[in-house]
PDB file of N, CA and C in Angstrom:
ATOM      1  N   MET A   1       5.443  11.509  -5.895  1.00  0.00           N
ATOM      2  CA  MET A   1       5.299  12.709  -5.115  1.00  0.00           C
ATOM      3  C   MET A   1       6.306  13.722  -5.646  1.00  0.00           C
ATOM      4  N   THR A   2       5.858  14.915  -5.841  1.00  0.00           N
ATOM      5  CA  THR A   2       6.718  15.943  -6.424  1.00  0.00           C
ATOM      6  C   THR A   2       7.191  16.943  -5.371  1.00  0.00           C
ATOM      7  N   THR A   3       8.179  17.704  -5.751  1.00  0.00           N
ATOM      8  CA  THR A   3       8.662  18.749  -4.857  1.00  0.00           C
ATOM      9  C   THR A   3       7.560  19.773  -4.607  1.00  0.00           C
ATOM     10  N   THR A   4       6.720  20.000  -5.591  1.00  0.00           N
ATOM     11  CA  THR A   4       5.595  20.929  -5.425  1.00  0.00           C
ATOM     12  C   THR A   4       4.635  20.419  -4.356  1.00  0.00           C
ATOM     13  N   ASP A   5       4.344  19.117  -4.366  1.00  0.00           N
ATOM     14  CA  ASP A   5       3.470  18.524  -3.338  1.00  0.00           C
ATOM     15  C   ASP A   5       4.030  18.790  -1.945  1.00  0.00           C
ATOM     16  N   LEU A   6       5.328  18.608  -1.802  1.00  0.00           N
ATOM     17  CA  LEU A   6       5.965  18.815  -0.499  1.00  0.00           C
ATOM     18  C   LEU A   6       5.916  20.277  -0.076  1.00  0.00           C
ATOM     19  N   GLU A   7       6.186  21.165  -1.015  1.00  0.00           N
ATOM     20  CA  GLU A   7       6.170  22.590  -0.680  1.00  0.00           C
ATOM     21  C   GLU A   7       4.765  23.058  -0.294  1.00  0.00           C
ATOM     22  N   LYS A   8       3.763  22.528  -0.965  1.00  0.00           N
ATOM     23  CA  LYS A   8       2.391  22.891  -0.612  1.00  0.00           C
ATOM     24  C   LYS A   8       2.050  22.411   0.794  1.00  0.00           C
ATOM     25  N   TYR A   9       2.498  21.219   1.131  1.00  0.00           N
ATOM     26  CA  TYR A   9       2.194  20.647   2.441  1.00  0.00           C
ATOM     27  C   TYR A   9       2.954  21.339   3.565  1.00  0.00           C
ATOM     28  N   PHE A  10       4.264  21.521   3.372  1.00  0.00           N
ATOM     29  CA  PHE A  10       5.104  22.060   4.443  1.00  0.00           C
ATOM     30  C   PHE A  10       5.209  23.581   4.441  1.00  0.00           C
ATOM     31  N   GLY A  11       4.953  24.219   3.307  1.00  0.00           N
ATOM     32  CA  GLY A  11       4.992  25.671   3.264  1.00  0.00           C
ATOM     33  C   GLY A  11       6.234  26.260   2.631  1.00  0.00           C
ATOM     34  N   ASP A  12       7.388  25.626   2.826  1.00  0.00           N
ATOM     35  CA  ASP A  12       8.596  26.128   2.175  1.00  0.00           C
ATOM     36  C   ASP A  12       9.672  25.053   2.147  1.00  0.00           C
ATOM     37  N   PRO A  13      10.652  25.236   1.269  1.00  0.00           N
ATOM     38  CA  PRO A  13      11.701  24.219   1.101  1.00  0.00           C
ATOM     39  C   PRO A  13      12.518  23.937   2.360  1.00  0.00           C
ATOM     40  N   LEU A  14      12.731  24.926   3.199  1.00  0.00           N
ATOM     41  CA  LEU A  14      13.512  24.699   4.414  1.00  0.00           C
ATOM     42  C   LEU A  14      12.816  23.718   5.345  1.00  0.00           C
ATOM     43  N   LYS A  15      11.508  23.803   5.433  1.00  0.00           N
ATOM     44  CA  LYS A  15      10.755  22.872   6.277  1.00  0.00           C
ATOM     45  C   LYS A  15      10.772  21.469   5.691  1.00  0.00           C
ATOM     46  N   VAL A  16      10.751  21.377   4.369  1.00  0.00           N
ATOM     47  CA  VAL A  16      10.851  20.068   3.716  1.00  0.00           C
ATOM     48  C   VAL A  16      12.204  19.442   4.040  1.00  0.00           C
ATOM     49  N   ALA A  17      13.258  20.208   3.883  1.00  0.00           N
ATOM     50  CA  ALA A  17      14.604  19.716   4.158  1.00  0.00           C
ATOM     51  C   ALA A  17      14.722  19.258   5.611  1.00  0.00           C
ATOM     52  N   ALA A  18      14.181  20.034   6.532  1.00  0.00           N
ATOM     53  CA  ALA A  18      14.232  19.667   7.948  1.00  0.00           C
ATOM     54  C   ALA A  18      13.457  18.369   8.207  1.00  0.00           C
ATOM     55  N   PHE A  19      12.319  18.208   7.581  1.00  0.00           N
ATOM     56  CA  PHE A  19      11.505  17.006   7.746  1.00  0.00           C
ATOM     57  C   PHE A  19      12.302  15.758   7.366  1.00  0.00           C
ATOM     58  N   PHE A  20      13.021  15.834   6.269  1.00  0.00           N
ATOM     59  CA  PHE A  20      13.782  14.688   5.790  1.00  0.00           C
ATOM     60  C   PHE A  20      15.194  14.619   6.372  1.00  0.00           C
ATOM     61  N   GLY A  21      15.621  15.666   7.051  1.00  0.00           N
ATOM     62  CA  GLY A  21      16.976  15.691   7.597  1.00  0.00           C
ATOM     63  C   GLY A  21      18.038  15.809   6.518  1.00  0.00           C
ATOM     64  N   VAL A  22      17.697  16.562   5.476  1.00  0.00           N
ATOM     65  CA  VAL A  22      18.641  16.797   4.385  1.00  0.00           C
ATOM     66  C   VAL A  22      18.902  18.291   4.276  1.00  0.00           C
ATOM     67  N   SER A  23      19.913  18.631   3.529  1.00  0.00           N
ATOM     68  CA  SER A  23      20.207  20.049   3.322  1.00  0.00           C
ATOM     69  C   SER A  23      19.193  20.642   2.342  1.00  0.00           C
ATOM     70  N   PRO A  24      18.968  21.944   2.436  1.00  0.00           N
ATOM     71  CA  PRO A  24      18.109  22.588   1.445  1.00  0.00           C
ATOM     72  C   PRO A  24      18.622  22.357   0.025  1.00  0.00           C
ATOM     73  N   GLU A  25      19.936  22.291  -0.132  1.00  0.00           N
ATOM     74  CA  GLU A  25      20.515  22.058  -1.454  1.00  0.00           C
ATOM     75  C   GLU A  25      20.088  20.696  -2.006  1.00  0.00           C
ATOM     76  N   ALA A  26      20.009  19.696  -1.140  1.00  0.00           N
ATOM     77  CA  ALA A  26      19.549  18.367  -1.574  1.00  0.00           C
ATOM     78  C   ALA A  26      18.116  18.453  -2.080  1.00  0.00           C
ATOM     79  N   PHE A  27      17.282  19.187  -1.351  1.00  0.00           N
ATOM     80  CA  PHE A  27      15.900  19.350  -1.797  1.00  0.00           C
ATOM     81  C   PHE A  27      15.859  20.048  -3.158  1.00  0.00           C
ATOM     82  N   TYR A  28      16.657  21.079  -3.331  1.00  0.00           N
ATOM     83  CA  TYR A  28      16.664  21.795  -4.609  1.00  0.00           C
ATOM     84  C   TYR A  28      17.129  20.894  -5.754  1.00  0.00           C
ATOM     85  N   GLN A  29      18.004  19.940  -5.463  1.00  0.00           N
ATOM     86  CA  GLN A  29      18.422  18.993  -6.490  1.00  0.00           C
ATOM     87  C   GLN A  29      17.256  18.103  -6.927  1.00  0.00           C
ATOM     88  N   TRP A  30      16.349  17.788  -6.017  1.00  0.00           N
ATOM     89  CA  TRP A  30      15.180  16.981  -6.367  1.00  0.00           C
ATOM     90  C   TRP A  30      14.326  17.677  -7.414  1.00  0.00           C
ATOM     91  N   ARG A  31      14.322  19.006  -7.390  1.00  0.00           N
ATOM     92  CA  ARG A  31      13.540  19.756  -8.383  1.00  0.00           C
ATOM     93  C   ARG A  31      14.030  19.502  -9.803  1.00  0.00           C
ATOM     94  N   LYS A  32      15.303  19.145  -9.942  1.00  0.00           N
ATOM     95  CA  LYS A  32      15.899  18.918 -11.254  1.00  0.00           C
ATOM     96  C   LYS A  32      15.631  17.507 -11.775  1.00  0.00           C
ATOM     97  N   ARG A  33      15.058  16.653 -10.957  1.00  0.00           N
ATOM     98  CA  ARG A  33      14.751  15.287 -11.390  1.00  0.00           C
ATOM     99  C   ARG A  33      13.586  15.315 -12.375  1.00  0.00           C
ATOM    100  N   PRO A  34      13.489  14.320 -13.240  1.00  0.00           N
ATOM    101  CA  PRO A  34      12.374  14.284 -14.198  1.00  0.00           C
ATOM    102  C   PRO A  34      11.023  14.373 -13.473  1.00  0.00           C
ATOM    103  N   GLY A  35      10.209  15.311 -13.926  1.00  0.00           N
ATOM    104  CA  GLY A  35       8.888  15.501 -13.332  1.00  0.00           C
ATOM    105  C   GLY A  35       8.917  16.059 -11.928  1.00  0.00           C
ATOM    106  N   GLN A  36      10.063  16.506 -11.472  1.00  0.00           N
ATOM    107  CA  GLN A  36      10.274  16.991 -10.111  1.00  0.00           C
ATOM    108  C   GLN A  36       9.886  15.935  -9.068  1.00  0.00           C
ATOM    109  N   LEU A  37       9.989  14.650  -9.458  1.00  0.00           N
ATOM    110  CA  LEU A  37       9.678  13.575  -8.524  1.00  0.00           C
ATOM    111  C   LEU A  37      10.780  13.458  -7.484  1.00  0.00           C
ATOM    112  N   ILE A  38      10.377  13.340  -6.229  1.00  0.00           N
ATOM    113  CA  ILE A  38      11.362  13.105  -5.186  1.00  0.00           C
ATOM    114  C   ILE A  38      11.742  11.623  -5.235  1.00  0.00           C
ATOM    115  N   PRO A  39      12.849  11.236  -4.626  1.00  0.00           N
ATOM    116  CA  PRO A  39      13.228   9.825  -4.634  1.00  0.00           C
ATOM    117  C   PRO A  39      12.107   8.943  -4.059  1.00  0.00           C
ATOM    118  N   LYS A  40      11.958   7.781  -4.642  1.00  0.00           N
ATOM    119  CA  LYS A  40      10.878   6.863  -4.281  1.00  0.00           C
ATOM    120  C   LYS A  40      10.863   6.547  -2.781  1.00  0.00           C
ATOM    121  N   GLY A  41      12.017   6.272  -2.224  1.00  0.00           N
ATOM    122  CA  GLY A  41      12.095   5.971  -0.792  1.00  0.00           C
ATOM    123  C   GLY A  41      11.647   7.138   0.067  1.00  0.00           C
ATOM    124  N   ARG A  42      11.980   8.336  -0.367  1.00  0.00           N
ATOM    125  CA  ARG A  42      11.557   9.525   0.388  1.00  0.00           C
ATOM    126  C   ARG A  42      10.047   9.732   0.279  1.00  0.00           C
ATOM    127  N   ALA A  43       9.486   9.381  -0.872  1.00  0.00           N
ATOM    128  CA  ALA A  43       8.033   9.514  -1.041  1.00  0.00           C
ATOM    129  C   ALA A  43       7.292   8.557  -0.117  1.00  0.00           C
ATOM    130  N   THR A  44       7.782   7.330  -0.013  1.00  0.00           N
ATOM    131  CA  THR A  44       7.121   6.375   0.889  1.00  0.00           C
ATOM    132  C   THR A  44       7.301   6.808   2.341  1.00  0.00           C
ATOM    133  N   GLU A  45       8.468   7.339   2.661  1.00  0.00           N
ATOM    134  CA  GLU A  45       8.716   7.850   4.014  1.00  0.00           C
ATOM    135  C   GLU A  45       7.755   8.982   4.352  1.00  0.00           C
ATOM    136  N   ALA A  46       7.579   9.912   3.424  1.00  0.00           N
ATOM    137  CA  ALA A  46       6.686  11.051   3.667  1.00  0.00           C
ATOM    138  C   ALA A  46       5.246  10.591   3.864  1.00  0.00           C
ATOM    139  N   ALA A  47       4.797   9.639   3.055  1.00  0.00           N
ATOM    140  CA  ALA A  47       3.429   9.129   3.200  1.00  0.00           C
ATOM    141  C   ALA A  47       3.245   8.488   4.569  1.00  0.00           C
ATOM    142  N   TYR A  48       4.223   7.716   4.992  1.00  0.00           N
ATOM    143  CA  TYR A  48       4.148   7.040   6.286  1.00  0.00           C
ATOM    144  C   TYR A  48       4.178   8.044   7.437  1.00  0.00           C
ATOM    145  N   ARG A  49       5.143   8.947   7.398  1.00  0.00           N
ATOM    146  CA  ARG A  49       5.328   9.876   8.516  1.00  0.00           C
ATOM    147  C   ARG A  49       4.234  10.922   8.623  1.00  0.00           C
ATOM    148  N   THR A  50       3.527  11.199   7.522  1.00  0.00           N
ATOM    149  CA  THR A  50       2.415  12.158   7.575  1.00  0.00           C
ATOM    150  C   THR A  50       1.071  11.435   7.701  1.00  0.00           C
ATOM    151  N   LYS A  51       1.143  10.113   7.944  1.00  0.00           N
ATOM    152  CA  LYS A  51      -0.052   9.280   8.115  1.00  0.00           C
ATOM    153  C   LYS A  51      -1.010   9.411   6.931  1.00  0.00           C
ATOM    154  N   GLY A  52      -0.430   9.498   5.730  1.00  0.00           N
ATOM    155  CA  GLY A  52      -1.225   9.536   4.515  1.00  0.00           C
ATOM    156  C   GLY A  52      -1.653  10.909   4.053  1.00  0.00           C
ATOM    157  N   ALA A  53      -1.309  11.949   4.785  1.00  0.00           N
ATOM    158  CA  ALA A  53      -1.651  13.305   4.334  1.00  0.00           C
ATOM    159  C   ALA A  53      -0.946  13.593   3.005  1.00  0.00           C
ATOM    160  N   LEU A  54       0.270  13.100   2.885  1.00  0.00           N
ATOM    161  CA  LEU A  54       0.984  13.100   1.600  1.00  0.00           C
ATOM    162  C   LEU A  54       0.875  11.677   1.078  1.00  0.00           C
ATOM    163  N   THR A  55       0.492  11.519  -0.164  1.00  0.00           N
ATOM    164  CA  THR A  55       0.265  10.174  -0.677  1.00  0.00           C
ATOM    165  C   THR A  55       1.360   9.746  -1.646  1.00  0.00           C
ATOM    166  N   TYR A  56       1.742   8.487  -1.491  1.00  0.00           N
ATOM    167  CA  TYR A  56       2.723   7.878  -2.379  1.00  0.00           C
ATOM    168  C   TYR A  56       1.953   7.241  -3.531  1.00  0.00           C
ATOM    169  N   ASN A  57       2.292   7.618  -4.747  1.00  0.00           N
ATOM    170  CA  ASN A  57       1.643   7.077  -5.934  1.00  0.00           C
ATOM    171  C   ASN A  57       2.672   6.264  -6.711  1.00  0.00           C
ATOM    172  N   PRO A  58       2.638   4.920  -6.562  1.00  0.00           N
ATOM    173  CA  PRO A  58       3.649   4.106  -7.226  1.00  0.00           C
ATOM    174  C   PRO A  58       3.654   4.237  -8.738  1.00  0.00           C
ATOM    175  N   SER A  59       2.527   4.575  -9.331  1.00  0.00           N
ATOM    176  CA  SER A  59       2.490   4.682 -10.791  1.00  0.00           C
ATOM    177  C   SER A  59       3.381   5.814 -11.303  1.00  0.00           C
ATOM    178  N   LEU A  60       3.643   6.809 -10.472  1.00  0.00           N
ATOM    179  CA  LEU A  60       4.549   7.888 -10.884  1.00  0.00           C
ATOM    180  C   LEU A  60       5.976   7.382 -11.052  1.00  0.00           C
ATOM    181  N   TYR A  61       6.280   6.289 -10.369  1.00  0.00           N
ATOM    182  CA  TYR A  61       7.639   5.761 -10.380  1.00  0.00           C
ATOM    183  C   TYR A  61       7.804   4.546 -11.281  1.00  0.00           C
ATOM    184  N   ALA A  62       6.755   4.203 -12.017  1.00  0.00           N
ATOM    185  CA  ALA A  62       6.844   3.082 -12.947  1.00  0.00           C
ATOM    186  C   ALA A  62       7.852   3.422 -14.041  1.00  0.00           C
ATOM    187  N   LYS A  63       8.525   2.427 -14.548  1.00  0.00           N
ATOM    188  CA  LYS A  63       9.560   2.673 -15.558  1.00  0.00           C
ATOM    189  C   LYS A  63       9.001   3.226 -16.858  1.00  0.00           C
ATOM    190  N   ASN A  64       7.745   3.012 -17.148  1.00  0.00           N
ATOM    191  CA  ASN A  64       7.158   3.464 -18.409  1.00  0.00           C
ATOM    192  C   ASN A  64       6.347   4.744 -18.229  1.00  0.00           C
ATOM    193  N   THR A  65       6.891   5.705 -17.509  1.00  0.00           N
ATOM    194  CA  THR A  65       6.184   6.961 -17.274  1.00  0.00           C
ATOM    195  C   THR A  65       6.312   7.908 -18.443  1.00  0.00           C
ATOM    196  N   GLY A  66       7.168   7.555 -19.399  1.00  0.00           N
ATOM    197  CA  GLY A  66       7.377   8.455 -20.528  1.00  0.00           C
ATOM    198  C   GLY A  66       8.426   9.509 -20.248  1.00  0.00           C
ATOM    199  N   LEU A  67       8.977   9.492 -19.035  1.00  0.00           N
ATOM    200  CA  LEU A  67      10.021  10.447 -18.681  1.00  0.00           C
ATOM    201  C   LEU A  67      11.363   9.830 -18.997  1.00  0.00           C
ATOM    202  N   LYS A  68      12.253  10.646 -19.497  1.00  0.00           N
ATOM    203  CA  LYS A  68      13.610  10.180 -19.777  1.00  0.00           C
ATOM    204  C   LYS A  68      14.422  10.256 -18.504  1.00  0.00           C
ATOM    205  N   GLU A  69      15.175   9.221 -18.243  1.00  0.00           N
ATOM    206  CA  GLU A  69      16.027   9.224 -17.071  1.00  0.00           C
ATOM    207  C   GLU A  69      17.253  10.079 -17.334  1.00  0.00           C
ATOM    208  N   GLN A  70      17.693  10.778 -16.302  1.00  0.00           N
ATOM    209  CA  GLN A  70      18.912  11.570 -16.411  1.00  0.00           C
ATOM    210  C   GLN A  70      20.075  10.696 -15.977  1.00  0.00           C
ATOM    211  N   HIS A  71      21.141  10.693 -16.744  1.00  0.00           N
ATOM    212  CA  HIS A  71      22.327   9.918 -16.404  1.00  0.00           C
ATOM    213  C   HIS A  71      23.470  10.838 -16.113  1.00  0.00           C
TER     214      HIS A  71
END
Protein backbone atom coordinates (compact mmCIF):
# COMPACT_ATOMS: atom_id res chain seq x y z
CA MET A 1 0.00 0.00 0.00
CA THR A 2 1.43 3.34 -0.98
CA THR A 3 1.10 6.82 0.41
CA THR A 4 -0.75 7.71 -2.79
CA ASP A 5 -3.35 4.98 -2.07
CA LEU A 6 -3.92 6.46 1.37
CA GLU A 7 -4.19 10.02 0.11
CA LYS A 8 -6.72 9.00 -2.52
CA TYR A 9 -8.82 7.21 0.08
CA PHE A 10 -8.66 9.78 2.88
CA GLY A 11 -8.36 12.95 0.82
CA ASP A 12 -5.29 14.50 2.42
CA PRO A 13 -2.21 13.68 4.49
CA LEU A 14 -3.61 15.15 7.71
CA LYS A 15 -6.52 12.72 7.65
CA VAL A 16 -4.13 9.84 7.01
CA ALA A 17 -2.00 10.87 9.98
CA ALA A 18 -5.09 11.15 12.19
CA PHE A 19 -6.31 7.70 11.10
CA PHE A 20 -3.04 6.10 12.18
CA GLY A 21 -2.49 8.36 15.19
CA VAL A 22 0.84 9.58 13.87
CA SER A 23 2.18 13.03 13.15
CA PRO A 24 1.88 14.43 9.64
CA GLU A 25 5.68 14.43 9.59
CA ALA A 26 5.68 10.64 10.10
CA PHE A 27 3.36 10.26 7.13
CA TYR A 28 5.62 12.46 5.00
CA GLN A 29 8.57 10.24 5.94
CA TRP A 30 6.68 7.26 4.48
CA ARG A 31 6.75 9.03 1.12
CA LYS A 32 10.54 8.72 1.16
CA ARG A 33 10.43 4.93 1.51
CA PRO A 34 11.16 2.83 -1.59
CA GLY A 35 8.09 2.86 -3.82
CA GLN A 36 6.34 5.11 -1.29
CA LEU A 37 5.26 1.92 0.49
CA ILE A 38 3.89 2.47 3.96
CA PRO A 39 5.15 0.14 6.70
CA LYS A 40 3.79 -3.39 6.33
CA GLY A 41 2.08 -3.38 9.72
CA ARG A 42 0.34 -0.12 8.91
CA ALA A 43 -0.85 -1.53 5.59
CA THR A 44 -2.44 -4.53 7.28
CA GLU A 45 -3.98 -2.23 9.89
CA ALA A 46 -5.48 0.00 7.19
CA ALA A 47 -6.95 -2.98 5.32
CA TYR A 48 -8.51 -4.30 8.52
CA ARG A 49 -9.84 -0.99 9.80
CA THR A 50 -11.33 0.01 6.43
CA LYS A 51 -12.91 -3.46 6.07
CA GLY A 52 -10.99 -4.06 2.86
CA ALA A 53 -11.66 -0.73 1.17
CA LEU A 54 -7.88 -0.33 1.27
CA THR A 55 -6.21 -3.58 0.30
CA TYR A 56 -3.02 -5.06 1.65
CA ASN A 57 -0.93 -6.61 -1.12
CA PRO A 58 1.76 -8.83 0.42
CA SER A 59 3.62 -9.12 -2.87
CA LEU A 60 4.55 -5.44 -2.61
CA TYR A 61 6.46 -6.28 0.55
CA ALA A 62 8.27 -9.36 -0.75
CA LYS A 63 12.04 -9.10 -0.45
CA ASN A 64 12.52 -9.55 -4.20
CA THR A 65 10.54 -6.50 -5.32
CA GLY A 66 13.54 -5.08 -7.12
CA LEU A 67 13.57 -2.09 -4.79
CA LYS A 68 16.74 -1.22 -2.96
CA GLU A 69 16.39 -0.94 0.76
CA GLN A 70 17.41 2.32 2.37
CA HIS A 71 19.84 1.97 5.26
